[in-house]
Amino acid sequence: MDHVMTSETGASRTAGDIRDYLLRQLNSALRRPGMYGAEIALHLYFDAIAFADRGERRWAEDLSALESRETFFPTGVTGAVERVLGHRAEDVMASVYAEIAHQYAWLTLDNNLPDADYGRIRSRLPAWCAQDRSHSEVIAEFGEPSMLIGGSNPRFPKTLVYATAHTDSPLIFFHLWNGIQPGAGTPWPPGHPEPILLAARYGGARFIDGFIFTPTGSARRAELAS
């Protein structure tokens, strides 16, 4: 006789219960990708939720769009990030998946920016990124982010996300790095007391077009590419 595994109450979970669970897991994996299996895990969560929503075609089309925007290579989004920044960065990789999750209304934000504040950040980015900035300077200038990608350790790299509730408004990212310069020796302790801003990012026809690099970000890209 076949047996069906059920919960302690004797009833199987509904499709809605399973979808909600997958969404919670996806949002946790977006925030701490290294703890959940990095890009492979994010891709699998997208596959599963798209299947639950009968959205496989849209997800496949968006993957093709990532390729056309040079945001997805045979090595995935991870490879595209390495090509742009000169190094692998799981927080930056996860930010690309967060963009798509936001468009699908799958992303759970910690807070939403008022439209006026969002517009102020976007308008200020080019001039503001003309100087080097630190993690604490980003927070002081623009407030607490809508989402943190990466660990809470104040010395570790991370990405700060600023967003409105509108799924058609691009997320704004601040990509912060900490570490040592190539050839400088052991990787710990990092070279800065707190992460420094490499670039802000939003939108862009191609992946690279969305980046607004700080002087340090531009110099680091050039050094790693040489």
N, C-alpha and C. Protein backbone atom coordinates (compact mmCIF):
# COMPACT_ATOMS: atom_id res chain seq x y z
N MET A 1 0.84 -1.20 0.00
CA MET A 1 0.00 0.00 0.00
C MET A 1 0.88 1.25 0.00
N ASP A 2 0.55 2.20 -0.88
CA ASP A 2 1.34 3.42 -0.95
C ASP A 2 1.04 4.30 0.25
N HIS A 3 2.06 5.00 0.72
CA HIS A 3 1.90 5.90 1.85
C HIS A 3 2.21 7.32 1.39
N VAL A 4 1.44 8.29 1.83
CA VAL A 4 1.66 9.69 1.53
C VAL A 4 2.13 10.38 2.79
N MET A 5 3.28 11.05 2.71
CA MET A 5 3.81 11.76 3.88
C MET A 5 2.96 13.00 4.13
N THR A 6 2.49 13.14 5.35
CA THR A 6 1.67 14.29 5.71
C THR A 6 2.27 14.99 6.90
N SER A 7 1.73 16.17 7.21
CA SER A 7 2.21 16.93 8.34
C SER A 7 1.68 16.32 9.63
N GLU A 8 2.09 16.92 10.75
CA GLU A 8 1.65 16.41 12.05
C GLU A 8 0.14 16.50 12.21
N THR A 9 -0.51 17.41 11.50
CA THR A 9 -1.96 17.55 11.60
C THR A 9 -2.69 16.56 10.70
N GLY A 10 -1.93 15.83 9.86
CA GLY A 10 -2.53 14.86 8.96
C GLY A 10 -2.90 15.42 7.61
N ALA A 11 -2.66 16.70 7.35
CA ALA A 11 -3.00 17.32 6.07
C ALA A 11 -1.74 17.75 5.34
N SER A 12 -1.69 17.47 4.05
CA SER A 12 -0.55 17.91 3.25
C SER A 12 -0.58 19.43 3.11
N ARG A 13 0.58 20.01 2.92
CA ARG A 13 0.65 21.45 2.71
C ARG A 13 0.10 21.79 1.33
N THR A 14 -0.51 22.95 1.23
CA THR A 14 -1.09 23.39 -0.03
C THR A 14 -0.01 23.94 -0.95
N ALA A 15 -0.37 24.11 -2.21
CA ALA A 15 0.55 24.72 -3.16
C ALA A 15 0.94 26.13 -2.73
N GLY A 16 -0.03 26.85 -2.13
CA GLY A 16 0.27 28.19 -1.63
C GLY A 16 1.26 28.17 -0.50
N ASP A 17 1.15 27.17 0.40
CA ASP A 17 2.10 27.04 1.50
C ASP A 17 3.51 26.81 0.96
N ILE A 18 3.62 25.95 -0.04
CA ILE A 18 4.92 25.62 -0.61
C ILE A 18 5.52 26.84 -1.31
N ARG A 19 4.67 27.57 -2.05
CA ARG A 19 5.17 28.77 -2.72
C ARG A 19 5.65 29.80 -1.71
N ASP A 20 4.90 30.01 -0.64
CA ASP A 20 5.31 30.98 0.38
C ASP A 20 6.64 30.57 1.00
N TYR A 21 6.81 29.27 1.24
CA TYR A 21 8.07 28.78 1.80
C TYR A 21 9.23 29.07 0.84
N LEU A 22 9.03 28.79 -0.44
CA LEU A 22 10.08 29.03 -1.43
C LEU A 22 10.42 30.51 -1.51
N LEU A 23 9.41 31.38 -1.42
CA LEU A 23 9.67 32.82 -1.46
C LEU A 23 10.48 33.26 -0.24
N ARG A 24 10.16 32.72 0.93
CA ARG A 24 10.94 33.07 2.12
C ARG A 24 12.39 32.61 1.96
N GLN A 25 12.57 31.41 1.44
CA GLN A 25 13.92 30.90 1.23
C GLN A 25 14.67 31.74 0.20
N LEU A 26 13.98 32.12 -0.87
CA LEU A 26 14.62 32.95 -1.88
C LEU A 26 15.08 34.27 -1.29
N ASN A 27 14.22 34.91 -0.51
CA ASN A 27 14.59 36.20 0.07
C ASN A 27 15.75 36.08 1.05
N SER A 28 15.82 34.97 1.77
CA SER A 28 16.96 34.74 2.65
C SER A 28 18.23 34.50 1.83
N ALA A 29 18.11 33.73 0.74
CA ALA A 29 19.27 33.44 -0.10
C ALA A 29 19.77 34.69 -0.82
N LEU A 30 18.87 35.59 -1.19
CA LEU A 30 19.29 36.84 -1.81
C LEU A 30 20.10 37.69 -0.85
N ARG A 31 19.75 37.65 0.43
CA ARG A 31 20.44 38.46 1.42
C ARG A 31 21.78 37.85 1.84
N ARG A 32 21.86 36.53 1.89
CA ARG A 32 23.10 35.85 2.30
C ARG A 32 23.40 34.73 1.30
N PRO A 33 23.76 35.09 0.07
CA PRO A 33 23.93 34.07 -0.96
C PRO A 33 24.98 33.02 -0.63
N GLY A 34 26.05 33.42 0.05
CA GLY A 34 27.10 32.48 0.36
C GLY A 34 26.66 31.37 1.30
N MET A 35 25.66 31.62 2.12
CA MET A 35 25.18 30.63 3.07
C MET A 35 24.19 29.66 2.44
N TYR A 36 23.70 29.98 1.25
CA TYR A 36 22.64 29.18 0.63
C TYR A 36 23.06 28.47 -0.65
N GLY A 37 24.32 28.59 -1.02
CA GLY A 37 24.76 27.92 -2.24
C GLY A 37 25.00 28.85 -3.40
N ALA A 38 25.05 30.15 -3.14
CA ALA A 38 25.42 31.16 -4.13
C ALA A 38 24.49 31.13 -5.34
N GLU A 39 25.02 31.33 -6.54
CA GLU A 39 24.17 31.53 -7.71
C GLU A 39 23.35 30.30 -8.07
N ILE A 40 23.92 29.12 -7.88
CA ILE A 40 23.17 27.90 -8.21
C ILE A 40 21.87 27.84 -7.41
N ALA A 41 21.95 28.15 -6.13
CA ALA A 41 20.75 28.11 -5.29
C ALA A 41 19.73 29.14 -5.75
N LEU A 42 20.18 30.35 -6.05
CA LEU A 42 19.25 31.38 -6.51
C LEU A 42 18.55 30.95 -7.80
N HIS A 43 19.32 30.38 -8.71
CA HIS A 43 18.75 29.93 -9.97
C HIS A 43 17.69 28.86 -9.73
N LEU A 44 17.97 27.93 -8.83
CA LEU A 44 17.00 26.87 -8.54
C LEU A 44 15.73 27.40 -7.90
N TYR A 45 15.87 28.37 -6.99
CA TYR A 45 14.67 28.97 -6.40
C TYR A 45 13.84 29.67 -7.46
N PHE A 46 14.49 30.38 -8.38
CA PHE A 46 13.76 31.03 -9.45
C PHE A 46 13.05 30.00 -10.33
N ASP A 47 13.74 28.91 -10.64
CA ASP A 47 13.11 27.85 -11.44
C ASP A 47 11.85 27.33 -10.75
N ALA A 48 11.96 27.06 -9.45
CA ALA A 48 10.85 26.46 -8.71
C ALA A 48 9.66 27.41 -8.59
N ILE A 49 9.92 28.67 -8.25
CA ILE A 49 8.81 29.61 -8.07
C ILE A 49 8.19 29.97 -9.41
N ALA A 50 9.01 30.08 -10.45
CA ALA A 50 8.46 30.33 -11.78
C ALA A 50 7.55 29.18 -12.20
N PHE A 51 7.93 27.95 -11.88
CA PHE A 51 7.08 26.80 -12.19
C PHE A 51 5.77 26.88 -11.42
N ALA A 52 5.85 27.23 -10.13
CA ALA A 52 4.64 27.34 -9.32
C ALA A 52 3.70 28.42 -9.84
N ASP A 53 4.27 29.48 -10.41
CA ASP A 53 3.46 30.59 -10.91
C ASP A 53 3.10 30.45 -12.40
N ARG A 54 3.45 29.32 -13.00
CA ARG A 54 3.27 29.13 -14.44
C ARG A 54 3.99 30.23 -15.21
N GLY A 55 5.16 30.61 -14.70
CA GLY A 55 5.92 31.69 -15.32
C GLY A 55 7.23 31.25 -15.93
N GLU A 56 7.32 29.98 -16.33
CA GLU A 56 8.58 29.48 -16.89
C GLU A 56 9.01 30.25 -18.13
N ARG A 57 8.03 30.60 -18.98
CA ARG A 57 8.38 31.30 -20.22
C ARG A 57 8.96 32.67 -19.91
N ARG A 58 8.33 33.40 -19.00
CA ARG A 58 8.84 34.73 -18.65
C ARG A 58 10.25 34.62 -18.07
N TRP A 59 10.48 33.65 -17.20
CA TRP A 59 11.79 33.47 -16.59
C TRP A 59 12.82 33.12 -17.66
N ALA A 60 12.46 32.26 -18.62
CA ALA A 60 13.38 31.92 -19.70
C ALA A 60 13.69 33.15 -20.55
N GLU A 61 12.68 33.98 -20.80
CA GLU A 61 12.90 35.19 -21.58
C GLU A 61 13.81 36.17 -20.85
N ASP A 62 13.64 36.25 -19.53
CA ASP A 62 14.49 37.16 -18.76
C ASP A 62 15.93 36.66 -18.69
N LEU A 63 16.12 35.35 -18.67
CA LEU A 63 17.48 34.81 -18.73
C LEU A 63 18.13 35.16 -20.07
N SER A 64 17.36 35.06 -21.15
CA SER A 64 17.88 35.45 -22.45
C SER A 64 18.22 36.93 -22.49
N ALA A 65 17.37 37.74 -21.82
CA ALA A 65 17.63 39.18 -21.77
C ALA A 65 18.91 39.47 -21.00
N LEU A 66 19.18 38.71 -19.94
CA LEU A 66 20.43 38.88 -19.21
C LEU A 66 21.62 38.62 -20.12
N GLU A 67 21.53 37.59 -20.94
CA GLU A 67 22.61 37.29 -21.87
C GLU A 67 22.81 38.41 -22.87
N SER A 68 21.72 38.94 -23.40
CA SER A 68 21.83 40.02 -24.39
C SER A 68 22.39 41.29 -23.77
N ARG A 69 22.18 41.47 -22.47
CA ARG A 69 22.71 42.65 -21.77
C ARG A 69 24.11 42.42 -21.23
N GLU A 70 24.70 41.26 -21.55
CA GLU A 70 26.04 40.90 -21.08
C GLU A 70 26.07 40.83 -19.55
N THR A 71 24.98 40.28 -19.01
CA THR A 71 24.85 40.10 -17.56
C THR A 71 24.87 38.62 -17.19
N PHE A 72 24.96 37.76 -18.20
CA PHE A 72 24.96 36.31 -17.96
C PHE A 72 25.86 35.66 -18.99
N PHE A 73 26.90 34.99 -18.51
CA PHE A 73 27.86 34.29 -19.35
C PHE A 73 27.79 32.80 -19.06
N PRO A 74 28.60 31.98 -19.73
CA PRO A 74 28.63 30.56 -19.36
C PRO A 74 28.92 30.33 -17.87
N THR A 75 29.59 31.27 -17.25
CA THR A 75 29.84 31.21 -15.81
C THR A 75 28.77 31.96 -15.02
N GLY A 76 27.64 32.25 -15.66
CA GLY A 76 26.52 32.87 -14.98
C GLY A 76 26.69 34.36 -14.76
N VAL A 77 25.84 34.90 -13.90
CA VAL A 77 25.96 36.30 -13.51
C VAL A 77 27.28 36.52 -12.78
N THR A 78 27.74 35.50 -12.06
CA THR A 78 29.02 35.59 -11.36
C THR A 78 30.14 35.97 -12.32
N GLY A 79 30.13 35.38 -13.51
CA GLY A 79 31.15 35.70 -14.50
C GLY A 79 31.03 37.11 -15.03
N ALA A 80 29.80 37.58 -15.19
CA ALA A 80 29.60 38.95 -15.66
C ALA A 80 30.10 39.96 -14.64
N VAL A 81 29.84 39.67 -13.36
CA VAL A 81 30.32 40.55 -12.29
C VAL A 81 31.85 40.59 -12.29
N GLU A 82 32.46 39.44 -12.43
CA GLU A 82 33.94 39.40 -12.44
C GLU A 82 34.50 40.17 -13.62
N ARG A 83 33.82 40.10 -14.76
CA ARG A 83 34.31 40.83 -15.93
C ARG A 83 34.24 42.34 -15.71
N VAL A 84 33.20 42.80 -15.02
CA VAL A 84 33.02 44.24 -14.81
C VAL A 84 33.90 44.76 -13.68
N LEU A 85 33.92 44.03 -12.56
CA LEU A 85 34.63 44.52 -11.37
C LEU A 85 36.08 44.05 -11.29
N GLY A 86 36.38 42.95 -11.98
CA GLY A 86 37.73 42.40 -11.89
C GLY A 86 37.87 41.35 -10.81
N HIS A 87 36.82 41.12 -10.04
CA HIS A 87 36.85 40.08 -9.00
C HIS A 87 35.43 39.56 -8.79
N ARG A 88 35.32 38.38 -8.22
CA ARG A 88 34.02 37.80 -7.93
C ARG A 88 33.44 38.46 -6.68
N ALA A 89 32.14 38.67 -6.71
CA ALA A 89 31.48 39.32 -5.58
C ALA A 89 30.06 38.76 -5.49
N GLU A 90 29.81 37.90 -4.51
CA GLU A 90 28.51 37.25 -4.40
C GLU A 90 27.39 38.25 -4.12
N ASP A 91 27.70 39.33 -3.39
CA ASP A 91 26.66 40.31 -3.11
C ASP A 91 26.23 41.03 -4.39
N VAL A 92 27.17 41.32 -5.27
CA VAL A 92 26.83 41.98 -6.53
C VAL A 92 26.06 41.01 -7.42
N MET A 93 26.51 39.75 -7.47
CA MET A 93 25.77 38.73 -8.23
C MET A 93 24.32 38.64 -7.76
N ALA A 94 24.13 38.56 -6.44
CA ALA A 94 22.78 38.42 -5.90
C ALA A 94 21.92 39.65 -6.20
N SER A 95 22.55 40.81 -6.34
CA SER A 95 21.78 42.02 -6.63
C SER A 95 21.09 41.93 -7.98
N VAL A 96 21.68 41.22 -8.94
CA VAL A 96 21.06 41.05 -10.25
C VAL A 96 19.79 40.22 -10.12
N TYR A 97 19.86 39.14 -9.34
CA TYR A 97 18.67 38.32 -9.11
C TYR A 97 17.62 39.09 -8.30
N ALA A 98 18.08 39.95 -7.40
CA ALA A 98 17.14 40.77 -6.64
C ALA A 98 16.36 41.70 -7.56
N GLU A 99 17.01 42.23 -8.59
CA GLU A 99 16.31 43.08 -9.55
C GLU A 99 15.15 42.34 -10.20
N ILE A 100 15.41 41.11 -10.62
CA ILE A 100 14.36 40.33 -11.28
C ILE A 100 13.26 39.97 -10.28
N ALA A 101 13.66 39.58 -9.07
CA ALA A 101 12.66 39.25 -8.04
C ALA A 101 11.77 40.44 -7.75
N HIS A 102 12.34 41.64 -7.75
CA HIS A 102 11.54 42.85 -7.52
C HIS A 102 10.51 43.04 -8.64
N GLN A 103 10.94 42.83 -9.88
CA GLN A 103 10.02 42.97 -11.01
C GLN A 103 8.89 41.96 -10.95
N TYR A 104 9.16 40.78 -10.39
CA TYR A 104 8.15 39.73 -10.28
C TYR A 104 7.29 39.88 -9.02
N ALA A 105 7.58 40.89 -8.21
CA ALA A 105 6.91 41.07 -6.91
C ALA A 105 7.20 39.91 -5.97
N TRP A 106 8.37 39.32 -6.10
CA TRP A 106 8.82 38.25 -5.20
C TRP A 106 9.71 38.78 -4.08
N LEU A 107 10.24 39.97 -4.24
CA LEU A 107 11.22 40.50 -3.30
C LEU A 107 10.51 41.14 -2.11
N THR A 108 10.92 40.74 -0.91
CA THR A 108 10.40 41.35 0.31
C THR A 108 11.42 42.35 0.82
N LEU A 109 11.07 43.63 0.80
CA LEU A 109 11.97 44.68 1.24
C LEU A 109 11.77 44.97 2.72
N ASP A 110 12.81 45.42 3.37
CA ASP A 110 12.70 45.79 4.78
C ASP A 110 11.97 47.13 4.94
N ASN A 111 12.11 48.00 3.97
CA ASN A 111 11.36 49.25 3.96
C ASN A 111 11.34 49.79 2.54
N ASN A 112 10.36 50.61 2.24
CA ASN A 112 10.21 51.22 0.92
C ASN A 112 10.49 52.71 1.01
N LEU A 113 11.23 53.22 0.04
CA LEU A 113 11.49 54.65 0.00
C LEU A 113 10.29 55.41 -0.56
N PRO A 114 10.01 56.59 -0.03
CA PRO A 114 9.05 57.47 -0.71
C PRO A 114 9.60 57.83 -2.09
N ASP A 115 8.71 58.08 -3.03
CA ASP A 115 9.14 58.38 -4.39
C ASP A 115 10.11 59.56 -4.44
N ALA A 116 9.87 60.57 -3.63
CA ALA A 116 10.72 61.76 -3.66
C ALA A 116 12.14 61.43 -3.21
N ASP A 117 12.28 60.60 -2.18
CA ASP A 117 13.61 60.21 -1.71
C ASP A 117 14.33 59.37 -2.75
N TYR A 118 13.59 58.46 -3.38
CA TYR A 118 14.17 57.63 -4.43
C TYR A 118 14.68 58.50 -5.58
N GLY A 119 13.89 59.45 -6.01
CA GLY A 119 14.30 60.34 -7.09
C GLY A 119 15.51 61.17 -6.71
N ARG A 120 15.57 61.58 -5.44
CA ARG A 120 16.72 62.38 -4.99
C ARG A 120 18.00 61.57 -5.06
N ILE A 121 17.95 60.29 -4.66
CA ILE A 121 19.14 59.45 -4.73
C ILE A 121 19.60 59.30 -6.18
N ARG A 122 18.67 58.97 -7.06
CA ARG A 122 19.04 58.76 -8.46
C ARG A 122 19.68 60.01 -9.06
N SER A 123 19.11 61.16 -8.78
CA SER A 123 19.62 62.39 -9.38
C SER A 123 20.99 62.77 -8.84
N ARG A 124 21.31 62.33 -7.63
CA ARG A 124 22.57 62.74 -7.00
C ARG A 124 23.73 61.79 -7.29
N LEU A 125 23.44 60.61 -7.79
CA LEU A 125 24.48 59.59 -7.89
C LEU A 125 25.71 60.00 -8.71
N PRO A 126 25.56 60.52 -9.92
CA PRO A 126 26.76 60.83 -10.70
C PRO A 126 27.73 61.77 -9.98
N ALA A 127 27.20 62.85 -9.43
CA ALA A 127 28.08 63.79 -8.72
C ALA A 127 28.58 63.21 -7.42
N TRP A 128 27.74 62.49 -6.71
CA TRP A 128 28.12 61.96 -5.40
C TRP A 128 29.20 60.90 -5.52
N CYS A 129 29.18 60.12 -6.58
CA CYS A 129 30.17 59.06 -6.78
C CYS A 129 31.46 59.58 -7.40
N ALA A 130 31.54 60.86 -7.65
CA ALA A 130 32.79 61.43 -8.18
C ALA A 130 33.87 61.46 -7.12
N GLN A 131 33.48 61.26 -5.84
CA GLN A 131 34.44 61.17 -4.74
C GLN A 131 34.35 59.78 -4.11
N ASP A 132 35.43 59.38 -3.46
CA ASP A 132 35.40 58.11 -2.74
C ASP A 132 34.50 58.23 -1.52
N ARG A 133 33.76 57.14 -1.25
CA ARG A 133 32.81 57.12 -0.14
C ARG A 133 32.96 55.82 0.64
N SER A 134 32.55 55.86 1.90
CA SER A 134 32.58 54.69 2.77
C SER A 134 31.16 54.22 3.06
N HIS A 135 31.07 53.05 3.66
CA HIS A 135 29.78 52.50 4.06
C HIS A 135 29.01 53.47 4.95
N SER A 136 29.67 54.01 5.96
CA SER A 136 28.98 54.91 6.88
C SER A 136 28.54 56.20 6.18
N GLU A 137 29.28 56.63 5.17
CA GLU A 137 28.88 57.83 4.44
C GLU A 137 27.63 57.58 3.61
N VAL A 138 27.51 56.39 3.03
CA VAL A 138 26.30 56.06 2.27
C VAL A 138 25.09 56.10 3.19
N ILE A 139 25.21 55.47 4.37
CA ILE A 139 24.09 55.44 5.32
C ILE A 139 23.74 56.84 5.80
N ALA A 140 24.77 57.63 6.11
CA ALA A 140 24.53 58.98 6.60
C ALA A 140 23.83 59.84 5.55
N GLU A 141 24.17 59.64 4.30
CA GLU A 141 23.62 60.47 3.24
C GLU A 141 22.22 60.03 2.81
N PHE A 142 22.00 58.71 2.73
CA PHE A 142 20.76 58.21 2.13
C PHE A 142 19.88 57.41 3.08
N GLY A 143 20.33 57.21 4.30
CA GLY A 143 19.52 56.51 5.29
C GLY A 143 19.67 55.01 5.22
N GLU A 144 18.92 54.32 6.07
CA GLU A 144 18.98 52.86 6.10
C GLU A 144 18.44 52.28 4.79
N PRO A 145 19.09 51.25 4.28
CA PRO A 145 18.67 50.70 2.99
C PRO A 145 17.36 49.92 3.08
N SER A 146 16.78 49.71 1.92
CA SER A 146 15.58 48.88 1.83
C SER A 146 15.92 47.40 1.99
N MET A 147 17.19 47.06 1.78
CA MET A 147 17.62 45.67 1.85
C MET A 147 19.14 45.65 1.93
N LEU A 148 19.66 44.71 2.70
CA LEU A 148 21.11 44.49 2.80
C LEU A 148 21.44 43.15 2.18
N ILE A 149 22.37 43.14 1.24
CA ILE A 149 22.88 41.90 0.67
C ILE A 149 24.30 41.72 1.19
N GLY A 150 24.51 40.65 1.94
CA GLY A 150 25.81 40.41 2.55
C GLY A 150 25.69 40.37 4.06
N GLY A 151 26.80 40.07 4.71
CA GLY A 151 26.79 39.94 6.15
C GLY A 151 26.69 41.27 6.87
N SER A 152 26.32 41.19 8.13
CA SER A 152 26.19 42.39 8.95
C SER A 152 27.50 42.84 9.55
N ASN A 153 28.55 42.02 9.45
CA ASN A 153 29.86 42.42 9.96
C ASN A 153 30.26 43.74 9.32
N PRO A 154 30.58 44.75 10.12
CA PRO A 154 30.82 46.08 9.56
C PRO A 154 32.05 46.17 8.67
N ARG A 155 32.92 45.14 8.66
CA ARG A 155 34.12 45.21 7.85
C ARG A 155 34.00 44.43 6.54
N PHE A 156 32.92 43.65 6.38
CA PHE A 156 32.80 42.78 5.21
C PHE A 156 32.16 43.51 4.03
N PRO A 157 32.50 43.08 2.80
CA PRO A 157 31.83 43.63 1.62
C PRO A 157 30.33 43.41 1.68
N LYS A 158 29.58 44.27 1.01
CA LYS A 158 28.12 44.17 1.03
C LYS A 158 27.54 45.07 -0.04
N THR A 159 26.27 44.87 -0.32
CA THR A 159 25.53 45.74 -1.24
C THR A 159 24.32 46.28 -0.51
N LEU A 160 24.15 47.59 -0.57
CA LEU A 160 22.98 48.25 0.00
C LEU A 160 21.98 48.52 -1.12
N VAL A 161 20.72 48.20 -0.85
CA VAL A 161 19.68 48.33 -1.87
C VAL A 161 18.67 49.39 -1.42
N TYR A 162 18.33 50.30 -2.32
CA TYR A 162 17.31 51.32 -2.05
C TYR A 162 16.22 51.18 -3.10
N ALA A 163 14.96 51.15 -2.64
CA ALA A 163 13.87 50.84 -3.56
C ALA A 163 12.56 51.45 -3.09
N THR A 164 11.66 51.62 -4.04
CA THR A 164 10.27 51.96 -3.73
C THR A 164 9.45 50.68 -3.83
N ALA A 165 8.17 50.80 -3.54
CA ALA A 165 7.28 49.65 -3.66
C ALA A 165 6.89 49.37 -5.11
N HIS A 166 7.24 50.28 -6.02
CA HIS A 166 6.86 50.12 -7.42
C HIS A 166 7.78 49.12 -8.11
N THR A 167 7.22 48.04 -8.61
CA THR A 167 8.05 47.00 -9.21
C THR A 167 8.65 47.42 -10.54
N ASP A 168 8.18 48.52 -11.13
CA ASP A 168 8.76 48.98 -12.39
C ASP A 168 9.84 50.04 -12.18
N SER A 169 10.14 50.37 -10.93
CA SER A 169 11.23 51.31 -10.64
C SER A 169 12.50 50.53 -10.35
N PRO A 170 13.58 50.76 -11.11
CA PRO A 170 14.81 49.99 -10.91
C PRO A 170 15.34 50.13 -9.48
N LEU A 171 15.84 49.06 -8.95
CA LEU A 171 16.51 49.13 -7.65
C LEU A 171 17.79 49.94 -7.79
N ILE A 172 18.15 50.63 -6.73
CA ILE A 172 19.42 51.37 -6.68
C ILE A 172 20.36 50.61 -5.76
N PHE A 173 21.57 50.33 -6.25
CA PHE A 173 22.54 49.56 -5.47
C PHE A 173 23.78 50.38 -5.16
N PHE A 174 24.32 50.15 -3.97
CA PHE A 174 25.63 50.66 -3.61
C PHE A 174 26.50 49.44 -3.31
N HIS A 175 27.49 49.21 -4.17
CA HIS A 175 28.35 48.04 -4.05
C HIS A 175 29.62 48.43 -3.28
N LEU A 176 29.76 47.84 -2.10
CA LEU A 176 30.85 48.19 -1.19
C LEU A 176 31.82 47.02 -1.05
N TRP A 177 33.10 47.33 -1.06
CA TRP A 177 34.15 46.31 -1.04
C TRP A 177 35.13 46.60 0.09
N ASN A 178 35.68 45.52 0.62
CA ASN A 178 36.80 45.64 1.55
C ASN A 178 37.71 44.45 1.34
N GLY A 179 38.97 44.67 1.51
CA GLY A 179 39.95 43.59 1.31
C GLY A 179 41.33 44.18 1.18
N ILE A 180 42.19 43.45 0.49
CA ILE A 180 43.55 43.92 0.28
C ILE A 180 43.81 44.04 -1.21
N GLN A 181 44.77 44.83 -1.56
CA GLN A 181 45.15 44.96 -2.95
C GLN A 181 45.90 43.71 -3.41
N PRO A 182 45.85 43.38 -4.70
CA PRO A 182 46.56 42.20 -5.21
C PRO A 182 48.03 42.20 -4.82
N GLY A 183 48.49 41.06 -4.33
CA GLY A 183 49.88 40.92 -3.96
C GLY A 183 50.24 41.50 -2.61
N ALA A 184 49.24 41.94 -1.83
CA ALA A 184 49.52 42.61 -0.56
C ALA A 184 49.70 41.64 0.60
N GLY A 185 49.52 40.33 0.37
CA GLY A 185 49.74 39.37 1.46
C GLY A 185 48.46 38.68 1.88
N THR A 186 48.37 38.35 3.16
CA THR A 186 47.22 37.60 3.68
C THR A 186 45.94 38.42 3.56
N PRO A 187 44.78 37.75 3.34
CA PRO A 187 43.53 38.49 3.12
C PRO A 187 42.90 39.08 4.36
N TRP A 188 43.44 38.82 5.55
CA TRP A 188 42.85 39.37 6.77
C TRP A 188 43.95 39.90 7.67
N PRO A 189 43.78 41.02 8.30
CA PRO A 189 42.58 41.88 8.24
C PRO A 189 42.50 42.65 6.93
N PRO A 190 41.29 43.08 6.55
CA PRO A 190 41.15 43.85 5.31
C PRO A 190 41.83 45.20 5.41
N GLY A 191 41.99 45.82 4.26
CA GLY A 191 42.79 47.03 4.21
C GLY A 191 42.11 48.29 4.68
N HIS A 192 40.81 48.23 4.96
CA HIS A 192 40.07 49.43 5.35
C HIS A 192 39.25 49.15 6.61
N PRO A 193 39.06 50.13 7.45
CA PRO A 193 38.28 49.92 8.68
C PRO A 193 36.81 49.63 8.41
N GLU A 194 36.31 49.99 7.25
CA GLU A 194 34.95 49.67 6.84
C GLU A 194 34.93 49.57 5.33
N PRO A 195 33.90 48.92 4.76
CA PRO A 195 33.85 48.80 3.30
C PRO A 195 33.80 50.17 2.62
N ILE A 196 34.41 50.22 1.44
CA ILE A 196 34.42 51.45 0.66
C ILE A 196 33.60 51.23 -0.61
N LEU A 197 33.03 52.30 -1.11
CA LEU A 197 32.14 52.22 -2.26
C LEU A 197 32.96 52.08 -3.54
N LEU A 198 32.68 51.00 -4.29
CA LEU A 198 33.27 50.85 -5.62
C LEU A 198 32.40 51.51 -6.68
N ALA A 199 31.08 51.33 -6.54
CA ALA A 199 30.17 51.88 -7.54
C ALA A 199 28.75 51.87 -7.02
N ALA A 200 27.97 52.80 -7.52
CA ALA A 200 26.52 52.72 -7.42
C ALA A 200 26.02 52.15 -8.74
N ARG A 201 24.81 51.60 -8.74
CA ARG A 201 24.30 50.98 -9.96
C ARG A 201 22.77 51.04 -10.00
N TYR A 202 22.25 51.33 -11.16
CA TYR A 202 20.82 51.15 -11.41
C TYR A 202 20.59 51.16 -12.92
N GLY A 203 19.65 50.34 -13.36
CA GLY A 203 19.27 50.33 -14.77
C GLY A 203 20.43 49.98 -15.68
N GLY A 204 20.38 50.54 -16.89
CA GLY A 204 21.44 50.32 -17.86
C GLY A 204 21.03 49.36 -18.96
N ALA A 205 21.24 49.77 -20.22
CA ALA A 205 20.92 48.88 -21.34
C ALA A 205 21.77 47.62 -21.28
N ARG A 206 23.06 47.80 -20.99
CA ARG A 206 23.96 46.67 -20.73
C ARG A 206 24.33 46.71 -19.25
N PHE A 207 24.81 45.59 -18.74
CA PHE A 207 25.18 45.51 -17.33
C PHE A 207 26.16 46.61 -16.96
N ILE A 208 27.21 46.77 -17.74
CA ILE A 208 28.24 47.76 -17.43
C ILE A 208 27.68 49.17 -17.44
N ASP A 209 26.65 49.42 -18.24
CA ASP A 209 26.10 50.77 -18.37
C ASP A 209 25.45 51.26 -17.08
N GLY A 210 25.04 50.35 -16.20
CA GLY A 210 24.37 50.75 -14.97
C GLY A 210 25.31 51.19 -13.87
N PHE A 211 26.62 50.96 -14.03
CA PHE A 211 27.58 51.26 -12.97
C PHE A 211 28.05 52.71 -13.03
N ILE A 212 28.09 53.35 -11.87
CA ILE A 212 28.70 54.68 -11.72
C ILE A 212 29.85 54.49 -10.73
N PHE A 213 31.06 54.43 -11.25
CA PHE A 213 32.21 54.08 -10.42
C PHE A 213 32.75 55.28 -9.67
N THR A 214 33.21 55.02 -8.45
CA THR A 214 33.97 56.00 -7.69
C THR A 214 35.42 55.98 -8.19
N PRO A 215 36.23 56.95 -7.80
CA PRO A 215 37.65 56.89 -8.18
C PRO A 215 38.32 55.58 -7.76
N THR A 216 38.04 55.11 -6.55
CA THR A 216 38.62 53.85 -6.11
C THR A 216 38.13 52.70 -6.95
N GLY A 217 36.84 52.69 -7.28
CA GLY A 217 36.30 51.63 -8.12
C GLY A 217 36.94 51.60 -9.49
N SER A 218 37.11 52.76 -10.10
CA SER A 218 37.75 52.82 -11.41
C SER A 218 39.20 52.39 -11.36
N ALA A 219 39.90 52.84 -10.32
CA ALA A 219 41.32 52.49 -10.19
C ALA A 219 41.50 51.00 -9.95
N ARG A 220 40.63 50.42 -9.12
CA ARG A 220 40.72 48.99 -8.84
C ARG A 220 40.42 48.16 -10.07
N ARG A 221 39.41 48.56 -10.85
CA ARG A 221 39.12 47.86 -12.10
C ARG A 221 40.33 47.87 -13.02
N ALA A 222 40.95 49.03 -13.17
CA ALA A 222 42.10 49.17 -14.07
C ALA A 222 43.28 48.32 -13.59
N GLU A 223 43.49 48.32 -12.27
CA GLU A 223 44.61 47.56 -11.72
C GLU A 223 44.42 46.06 -11.90
N LEU A 224 43.21 45.59 -11.66
CA LEU A 224 42.95 44.16 -11.77
C LEU A 224 42.92 43.70 -13.22
N ALA A 225 42.61 44.62 -14.13
CA ALA A 225 42.58 44.26 -15.55
C ALA A 225 43.95 44.27 -16.18
N SER A 226 44.92 44.90 -15.53
CA SER A 226 46.27 45.04 -16.13
C SER A 226 47.09 43.78 -15.94
